[in-house]
Amino acid sequence: MEGRWIIVEYPNGLTQGYELARSEERGGRTLLVTRQDHGLRIMGQQVEETYTPLRRMEGQCRFRLAAMASTMGGD
């Protein structure tokens, strides 16, 4: 997972990407660890930003892994 990006869609419809450092198995679940602090606090049905602009949103975040694509040059 290292180097892949996770796309987070906030309850208000905004999206933001975070680079992954690694993934870990914990208690039968997969934990995705971001390369830098994402600054989010998720508590049940509320999402709070711990950095500016310090928004609070009701609802759940959705997460998806960004697709990987590459191109190869011709001769």
PDB file of N, CA and C in Angstrom:
ATOM      1  N   MET A   1       0.810  -1.210   0.000  1.00  0.00           N
ATOM      2  CA  MET A   1       0.000   0.000   0.000  1.00  0.00           C
ATOM      3  C   MET A   1       0.848   1.267   0.000  1.00  0.00           C
ATOM      4  N   GLU A   2       2.117   1.137   0.374  1.00  0.00           N
ATOM      5  CA  GLU A   2       2.965   2.317   0.460  1.00  0.00           C
ATOM      6  C   GLU A   2       2.981   3.075  -0.856  1.00  0.00           C
ATOM      7  N   GLY A   3       2.756   4.381  -0.769  1.00  0.00           N
ATOM      8  CA  GLY A   3       2.790   5.233  -1.950  1.00  0.00           C
ATOM      9  C   GLY A   3       1.458   5.362  -2.665  1.00  0.00           C
ATOM     10  N   ARG A   4       0.489   4.509  -2.337  1.00  0.00           N
ATOM     11  CA  ARG A   4      -0.844   4.662  -2.932  1.00  0.00           C
ATOM     12  C   ARG A   4      -1.572   5.785  -2.212  1.00  0.00           C
ATOM     13  N   TRP A   5      -2.638   6.249  -2.799  1.00  0.00           N
ATOM     14  CA  TRP A   5      -3.409   7.352  -2.228  1.00  0.00           C
ATOM     15  C   TRP A   5      -4.800   6.884  -1.859  1.00  0.00           C
ATOM     16  N   ILE A   6      -5.266   7.359  -0.710  1.00  0.00           N
ATOM     17  CA  ILE A   6      -6.643   7.110  -0.299  1.00  0.00           C
ATOM     18  C   ILE A   6      -7.398   8.422  -0.481  1.00  0.00           C
ATOM     19  N   ILE A   7      -8.564   8.345  -1.090  1.00  0.00           N
ATOM     20  CA  ILE A   7      -9.404   9.524  -1.314  1.00  0.00           C
ATOM     21  C   ILE A   7     -10.514   9.498  -0.272  1.00  0.00           C
ATOM     22  N   VAL A   8     -10.636  10.586   0.464  1.00  0.00           N
ATOM     23  CA  VAL A   8     -11.655  10.705   1.503  1.00  0.00           C
ATOM     24  C   VAL A   8     -12.726  11.670   1.015  1.00  0.00           C
ATOM     25  N   GLU A   9     -13.988  11.228   1.047  1.00  0.00           N
ATOM     26  CA  GLU A   9     -15.104  12.114   0.751  1.00  0.00           C
ATOM     27  C   GLU A   9     -15.774  12.453   2.074  1.00  0.00           C
ATOM     28  N   TYR A  10     -15.752  13.725   2.419  1.00  0.00           N
ATOM     29  CA  TYR A  10     -16.341  14.198   3.665  1.00  0.00           C
ATOM     30  C   TYR A  10     -17.860  14.218   3.563  1.00  0.00           C
ATOM     31  N   PRO A  11     -18.560  14.242   4.697  1.00  0.00           N
ATOM     32  CA  PRO A  11     -20.022  14.272   4.663  1.00  0.00           C
ATOM     33  C   PRO A  11     -20.595  15.461   3.888  1.00  0.00           C
ATOM     34  N   ASN A  12     -19.835  16.557   3.771  1.00  0.00           N
ATOM     35  CA  ASN A  12     -20.322  17.738   3.052  1.00  0.00           C
ATOM     36  C   ASN A  12     -20.016  17.675   1.553  1.00  0.00           C
ATOM     37  N   GLY A  13     -19.433  16.542   1.082  1.00  0.00           N
ATOM     38  CA  GLY A  13     -19.177  16.365  -0.344  1.00  0.00           C
ATOM     39  C   GLY A  13     -17.771  16.714  -0.798  1.00  0.00           C
ATOM     40  N   LEU A  14     -16.994  17.405   0.024  1.00  0.00           N
ATOM     41  CA  LEU A  14     -15.614  17.722  -0.331  1.00  0.00           C
ATOM     42  C   LEU A  14     -14.784  16.442  -0.341  1.00  0.00           C
ATOM     43  N   THR A  15     -13.740  16.415  -1.171  1.00  0.00           N
ATOM     44  CA  THR A  15     -12.838  15.267  -1.194  1.00  0.00           C
ATOM     45  C   THR A  15     -11.404  15.733  -0.989  1.00  0.00           C
ATOM     46  N   GLN A  16     -10.597  14.834  -0.449  1.00  0.00           N
ATOM     47  CA  GLN A  16      -9.183  15.136  -0.234  1.00  0.00           C
ATOM     48  C   GLN A  16      -8.412  13.831  -0.294  1.00  0.00           C
ATOM     49  N   GLY A  17      -7.180  13.881  -0.805  1.00  0.00           N
ATOM     50  CA  GLY A  17      -6.349  12.700  -0.911  1.00  0.00           C
ATOM     51  C   GLY A  17      -5.244  12.697   0.126  1.00  0.00           C
ATOM     52  N   TYR A  18      -4.897  11.498   0.586  1.00  0.00           N
ATOM     53  CA  TYR A  18      -3.827  11.311   1.549  1.00  0.00           C
ATOM     54  C   TYR A  18      -2.956  10.159   1.084  1.00  0.00           C
ATOM     55  N   GLU A  19      -1.639  10.336   1.117  1.00  0.00           N
ATOM     56  CA  GLU A  19      -0.723   9.281   0.715  1.00  0.00           C
ATOM     57  C   GLU A  19      -0.581   8.260   1.843  1.00  0.00           C
ATOM     58  N   LEU A  20      -0.576   6.987   1.474  1.00  0.00           N
ATOM     59  CA  LEU A  20      -0.458   5.928   2.467  1.00  0.00           C
ATOM     60  C   LEU A  20       0.995   5.573   2.735  1.00  0.00           C
ATOM     61  N   ALA A  21       1.300   5.352   4.000  1.00  0.00           N
ATOM     62  CA  ALA A  21       2.630   4.902   4.396  1.00  0.00           C
ATOM     63  C   ALA A  21       2.663   3.379   4.450  1.00  0.00           C
ATOM     64  N   ARG A  22       1.554   2.779   4.962  1.00  0.00           N
ATOM     65  CA  ARG A  22       1.496   1.329   5.084  1.00  0.00           C
ATOM     66  C   ARG A  22       0.087   0.918   5.501  1.00  0.00           C
ATOM     67  N   SER A  23      -0.128  -0.386   5.499  1.00  0.00           N
ATOM     68  CA  SER A  23      -1.361  -0.941   6.048  1.00  0.00           C
ATOM     69  C   SER A  23      -0.977  -1.994   7.085  1.00  0.00           C
ATOM     70  N   GLU A  24      -1.836  -2.187   8.065  1.00  0.00           N
ATOM     71  CA  GLU A  24      -1.584  -3.142   9.140  1.00  0.00           C
ATOM     72  C   GLU A  24      -2.868  -3.914   9.430  1.00  0.00           C
ATOM     73  N   GLU A  25      -2.719  -5.146   9.866  1.00  0.00           N
ATOM     74  CA  GLU A  25      -3.855  -5.939  10.335  1.00  0.00           C
ATOM     75  C   GLU A  25      -3.942  -5.793  11.847  1.00  0.00           C
ATOM     76  N   ARG A  26      -5.127  -5.446  12.332  1.00  0.00           N
ATOM     77  CA  ARG A  26      -5.346  -5.317  13.780  1.00  0.00           C
ATOM     78  C   ARG A  26      -6.708  -5.885  14.130  1.00  0.00           C
ATOM     79  N   GLY A  27      -6.693  -6.936  14.906  1.00  0.00           N
ATOM     80  CA  GLY A  27      -7.960  -7.512  15.356  1.00  0.00           C
ATOM     81  C   GLY A  27      -8.874  -7.928  14.217  1.00  0.00           C
ATOM     82  N   GLY A  28      -8.305  -8.434  13.137  1.00  0.00           N
ATOM     83  CA  GLY A  28      -9.114  -8.862  12.000  1.00  0.00           C
ATOM     84  C   GLY A  28      -9.570  -7.737  11.094  1.00  0.00           C
ATOM     85  N   ARG A  29      -9.096  -6.530  11.322  1.00  0.00           N
ATOM     86  CA  ARG A  29      -9.450  -5.369  10.498  1.00  0.00           C
ATOM     87  C   ARG A  29      -8.190  -4.798   9.879  1.00  0.00           C
ATOM     88  N   THR A  30      -8.343  -4.060   8.807  1.00  0.00           N
ATOM     89  CA  THR A  30      -7.205  -3.438   8.136  1.00  0.00           C
ATOM     90  C   THR A  30      -7.124  -1.976   8.536  1.00  0.00           C
ATOM     91  N   LEU A  31      -5.965  -1.555   9.004  1.00  0.00           N
ATOM     92  CA  LEU A  31      -5.692  -0.176   9.382  1.00  0.00           C
ATOM     93  C   LEU A  31      -4.826   0.441   8.305  1.00  0.00           C
ATOM     94  N   LEU A  32      -5.266   1.566   7.735  1.00  0.00           N
ATOM     95  CA  LEU A  32      -4.475   2.293   6.747  1.00  0.00           C
ATOM     96  C   LEU A  32      -3.803   3.467   7.437  1.00  0.00           C
ATOM     97  N   VAL A  33      -2.484   3.547   7.333  1.00  0.00           N
ATOM     98  CA  VAL A  33      -1.704   4.589   7.997  1.00  0.00           C
ATOM     99  C   VAL A  33      -1.247   5.585   6.942  1.00  0.00           C
ATOM    100  N   THR A  34      -1.621   6.855   7.124  1.00  0.00           N
ATOM    101  CA  THR A  34      -1.233   7.890   6.164  1.00  0.00           C
ATOM    102  C   THR A  34       0.193   8.372   6.432  1.00  0.00           C
ATOM    103  N   ARG A  35       0.830   8.856   5.367  1.00  0.00           N
ATOM    104  CA  ARG A  35       2.220   9.310   5.471  1.00  0.00           C
ATOM    105  C   ARG A  35       2.331  10.529   6.387  1.00  0.00           C
ATOM    106  N   GLN A  36       1.372  11.428   6.293  1.00  0.00           N
ATOM    107  CA  GLN A  36       1.370  12.616   7.154  1.00  0.00           C
ATOM    108  C   GLN A  36       0.081  12.622   7.965  1.00  0.00           C
ATOM    109  N   ASP A  37       0.069  13.346   9.040  1.00  0.00           N
ATOM    110  CA  ASP A  37      -1.120  13.447   9.884  1.00  0.00           C
ATOM    111  C   ASP A  37      -2.270  14.025   9.069  1.00  0.00           C
ATOM    112  N   HIS A  38      -3.359  13.313   9.010  1.00  0.00           N
ATOM    113  CA  HIS A  38      -4.518  13.751   8.229  1.00  0.00           C
ATOM    114  C   HIS A  38      -5.328  14.822   8.935  1.00  0.00           C
ATOM    115  N   GLY A  39      -5.173  14.952  10.229  1.00  0.00           N
ATOM    116  CA  GLY A  39      -5.849  16.018  10.973  1.00  0.00           C
ATOM    117  C   GLY A  39      -7.346  15.801  11.123  1.00  0.00           C
ATOM    118  N   LEU A  40      -7.804  14.553  11.071  1.00  0.00           N
ATOM    119  CA  LEU A  40      -9.225  14.267  11.217  1.00  0.00           C
ATOM    120  C   LEU A  40      -9.479  13.508  12.511  1.00  0.00           C
ATOM    121  N   ARG A  41     -10.586  13.813  13.132  1.00  0.00           N
ATOM    122  CA  ARG A  41     -11.048  13.065  14.290  1.00  0.00           C
ATOM    123  C   ARG A  41     -12.446  12.560  13.925  1.00  0.00           C
ATOM    124  N   ILE A  42     -12.601  11.252  13.870  1.00  0.00           N
ATOM    125  CA  ILE A  42     -13.883  10.655  13.489  1.00  0.00           C
ATOM    126  C   ILE A  42     -14.467   9.988  14.722  1.00  0.00           C
ATOM    127  N   MET A  43     -15.657  10.457  15.108  1.00  0.00           N
ATOM    128  CA  MET A  43     -16.329   9.948  16.304  1.00  0.00           C
ATOM    129  C   MET A  43     -17.768   9.622  15.949  1.00  0.00           C
ATOM    130  N   GLY A  44     -18.034   8.352  15.696  1.00  0.00           N
ATOM    131  CA  GLY A  44     -19.399   7.940  15.350  1.00  0.00           C
ATOM    132  C   GLY A  44     -19.864   8.613  14.075  1.00  0.00           C
ATOM    133  N   GLN A  45     -20.873   9.430  14.188  1.00  0.00           N
ATOM    134  CA  GLN A  45     -21.457  10.128  13.035  1.00  0.00           C
ATOM    135  C   GLN A  45     -20.976  11.578  12.912  1.00  0.00           C
ATOM    136  N   GLN A  46     -19.827  11.906  13.499  1.00  0.00           N
ATOM    137  CA  GLN A  46     -19.294  13.259  13.416  1.00  0.00           C
ATOM    138  C   GLN A  46     -17.831  13.217  13.006  1.00  0.00           C
ATOM    139  N   VAL A  47     -17.467  14.116  12.096  1.00  0.00           N
ATOM    140  CA  VAL A  47     -16.092  14.263  11.628  1.00  0.00           C
ATOM    141  C   VAL A  47     -15.643  15.670  11.996  1.00  0.00           C
ATOM    142  N   GLU A  48     -14.467  15.761  12.588  1.00  0.00           N
ATOM    143  CA  GLU A  48     -13.946  17.058  13.013  1.00  0.00           C
ATOM    144  C   GLU A  48     -12.519  17.221  12.504  1.00  0.00           C
ATOM    145  N   GLU A  49     -12.230  18.398  11.943  1.00  0.00           N
ATOM    146  CA  GLU A  49     -10.863  18.717  11.533  1.00  0.00           C
ATOM    147  C   GLU A  49     -10.125  19.290  12.731  1.00  0.00           C
ATOM    148  N   THR A  50      -8.897  18.813  12.951  1.00  0.00           N
ATOM    149  CA  THR A  50      -8.127  19.304  14.088  1.00  0.00           C
ATOM    150  C   THR A  50      -7.223  20.465  13.696  1.00  0.00           C
ATOM    151  N   TYR A  51      -7.189  20.798  12.406  1.00  0.00           N
ATOM    152  CA  TYR A  51      -6.429  21.941  11.881  1.00  0.00           C
ATOM    153  C   TYR A  51      -7.385  22.880  11.160  1.00  0.00           C
ATOM    154  N   THR A  52      -6.927  24.054  10.839  1.00  0.00           N
ATOM    155  CA  THR A  52      -7.732  25.031  10.118  1.00  0.00           C
ATOM    156  C   THR A  52      -8.277  24.409   8.847  1.00  0.00           C
ATOM    157  N   PRO A  53      -9.533  24.564   8.520  1.00  0.00           N
ATOM    158  CA  PRO A  53     -10.510  25.512   9.050  1.00  0.00           C
ATOM    159  C   PRO A  53     -11.369  24.997  10.200  1.00  0.00           C
ATOM    160  N   LEU A  54     -11.008  23.874  10.836  1.00  0.00           N
ATOM    161  CA  LEU A  54     -11.681  23.388  12.047  1.00  0.00           C
ATOM    162  C   LEU A  54     -13.179  23.124  11.845  1.00  0.00           C
ATOM    163  N   ARG A  55     -13.538  22.548  10.710  1.00  0.00           N
ATOM    164  CA  ARG A  55     -14.946  22.254  10.444  1.00  0.00           C
ATOM    165  C   ARG A  55     -15.393  21.025  11.233  1.00  0.00           C
ATOM    166  N   ARG A  56     -16.687  21.013  11.531  1.00  0.00           N
ATOM    167  CA  ARG A  56     -17.346  19.839  12.114  1.00  0.00           C
ATOM    168  C   ARG A  56     -18.478  19.467  11.174  1.00  0.00           C
ATOM    169  N   MET A  57     -18.561  18.189  10.856  1.00  0.00           N
ATOM    170  CA  MET A  57     -19.581  17.730   9.925  1.00  0.00           C
ATOM    171  C   MET A  57     -20.304  16.522  10.499  1.00  0.00           C
ATOM    172  N   GLU A  58     -21.589  16.470  10.302  1.00  0.00           N
ATOM    173  CA  GLU A  58     -22.389  15.320  10.711  1.00  0.00           C
ATOM    174  C   GLU A  58     -22.452  14.334   9.554  1.00  0.00           C
ATOM    175  N   GLY A  59     -22.263  13.073   9.869  1.00  0.00           N
ATOM    176  CA  GLY A  59     -22.307  12.030   8.853  1.00  0.00           C
ATOM    177  C   GLY A  59     -21.000  11.267   8.826  1.00  0.00           C
ATOM    178  N   GLN A  60     -20.892  10.341   7.892  1.00  0.00           N
ATOM    179  CA  GLN A  60     -19.710   9.504   7.796  1.00  0.00           C
ATOM    180  C   GLN A  60     -18.858   9.889   6.591  1.00  0.00           C
ATOM    181  N   CYS A  61     -17.561   9.687   6.726  1.00  0.00           N
ATOM    182  CA  CYS A  61     -16.648   9.828   5.597  1.00  0.00           C
ATOM    183  C   CYS A  61     -16.710   8.543   4.770  1.00  0.00           C
ATOM    184  N   ARG A  62     -16.451   8.690   3.478  1.00  0.00           N
ATOM    185  CA  ARG A  62     -16.296   7.535   2.605  1.00  0.00           C
ATOM    186  C   ARG A  62     -14.847   7.507   2.166  1.00  0.00           C
ATOM    187  N   PHE A  63     -14.296   6.318   2.033  1.00  0.00           N
ATOM    188  CA  PHE A  63     -12.895   6.162   1.674  1.00  0.00           C
ATOM    189  C   PHE A  63     -12.798   5.274   0.444  1.00  0.00           C
ATOM    190  N   ARG A  64     -11.873   5.610  -0.453  1.00  0.00           N
ATOM    191  CA  ARG A  64     -11.599   4.729  -1.585  1.00  0.00           C
ATOM    192  C   ARG A  64     -10.125   4.865  -1.953  1.00  0.00           C
ATOM    193  N   LEU A  65      -9.571   3.786  -2.445  1.00  0.00           N
ATOM    194  CA  LEU A  65      -8.188   3.817  -2.909  1.00  0.00           C
ATOM    195  C   LEU A  65      -8.167   4.346  -4.329  1.00  0.00           C
ATOM    196  N   ALA A  66      -7.280   5.279  -4.580  1.00  0.00           N
ATOM    197  CA  ALA A  66      -7.163   5.835  -5.926  1.00  0.00           C
ATOM    198  C   ALA A  66      -6.623   4.765  -6.864  1.00  0.00           C
ATOM    199  N   ALA A  67      -7.129   4.743  -8.083  1.00  0.00           N
ATOM    200  CA  ALA A  67      -6.642   3.797  -9.085  1.00  0.00           C
ATOM    201  C   ALA A  67      -5.235   4.185  -9.507  1.00  0.00           C
ATOM    202  N   MET A  68      -4.450   3.188  -9.839  1.00  0.00           N
ATOM    203  CA  MET A  68      -3.103   3.454 -10.291  1.00  0.00           C
ATOM    204  C   MET A  68      -3.066   3.323 -11.812  1.00  0.00           C
ATOM    205  N   ALA A  69      -2.395   4.227 -12.450  1.00  0.00           N
ATOM    206  CA  ALA A  69      -2.267   4.179 -13.905  1.00  0.00           C
ATOM    207  C   ALA A  69      -0.854   4.568 -14.277  1.00  0.00           C
ATOM    208  N   SER A  70      -0.415   4.054 -15.404  1.00  0.00           N
ATOM    209  CA  SER A  70       0.913   4.427 -15.895  1.00  0.00           C
ATOM    210  C   SER A  70       0.895   4.394 -17.406  1.00  0.00           C
ATOM    211  N   THR A  71       1.861   5.049 -17.983  1.00  0.00           N
ATOM    212  CA  THR A  71       2.003   5.024 -19.432  1.00  0.00           C
ATOM    213  C   THR A  71       3.409   4.584 -19.758  1.00  0.00           C
ATOM    214  N   MET A  72       3.554   4.004 -20.927  1.00  0.00           N
ATOM    215  CA  MET A  72       4.875   3.578 -21.380  1.00  0.00           C
ATOM    216  C   MET A  72       5.132   4.228 -22.736  1.00  0.00           C
ATOM    217  N   GLY A  73       6.281   4.826 -22.869  1.00  0.00           N
ATOM    218  CA  GLY A  73       6.630   5.469 -24.131  1.00  0.00           C
ATOM    219  C   GLY A  73       7.020   4.458 -25.206  1.00  0.00           C
ATOM    220  N   GLY A  74       6.798   4.821 -26.435  1.00  0.00           N
ATOM    221  CA  GLY A  74       7.175   3.964 -27.553  1.00  0.00           C
ATOM    222  C   GLY A  74       8.629   4.217 -27.955  1.00  0.00           C
ATOM    223  N   ASP A  75       9.063   3.485 -28.933  1.00  0.00           N
ATOM    224  CA  ASP A  75      10.454   3.627 -29.429  1.00  0.00           C
ATOM    225  C   ASP A  75      10.670   4.954 -30.083  1.00  0.00           C
TER     226      ASP A  75
END
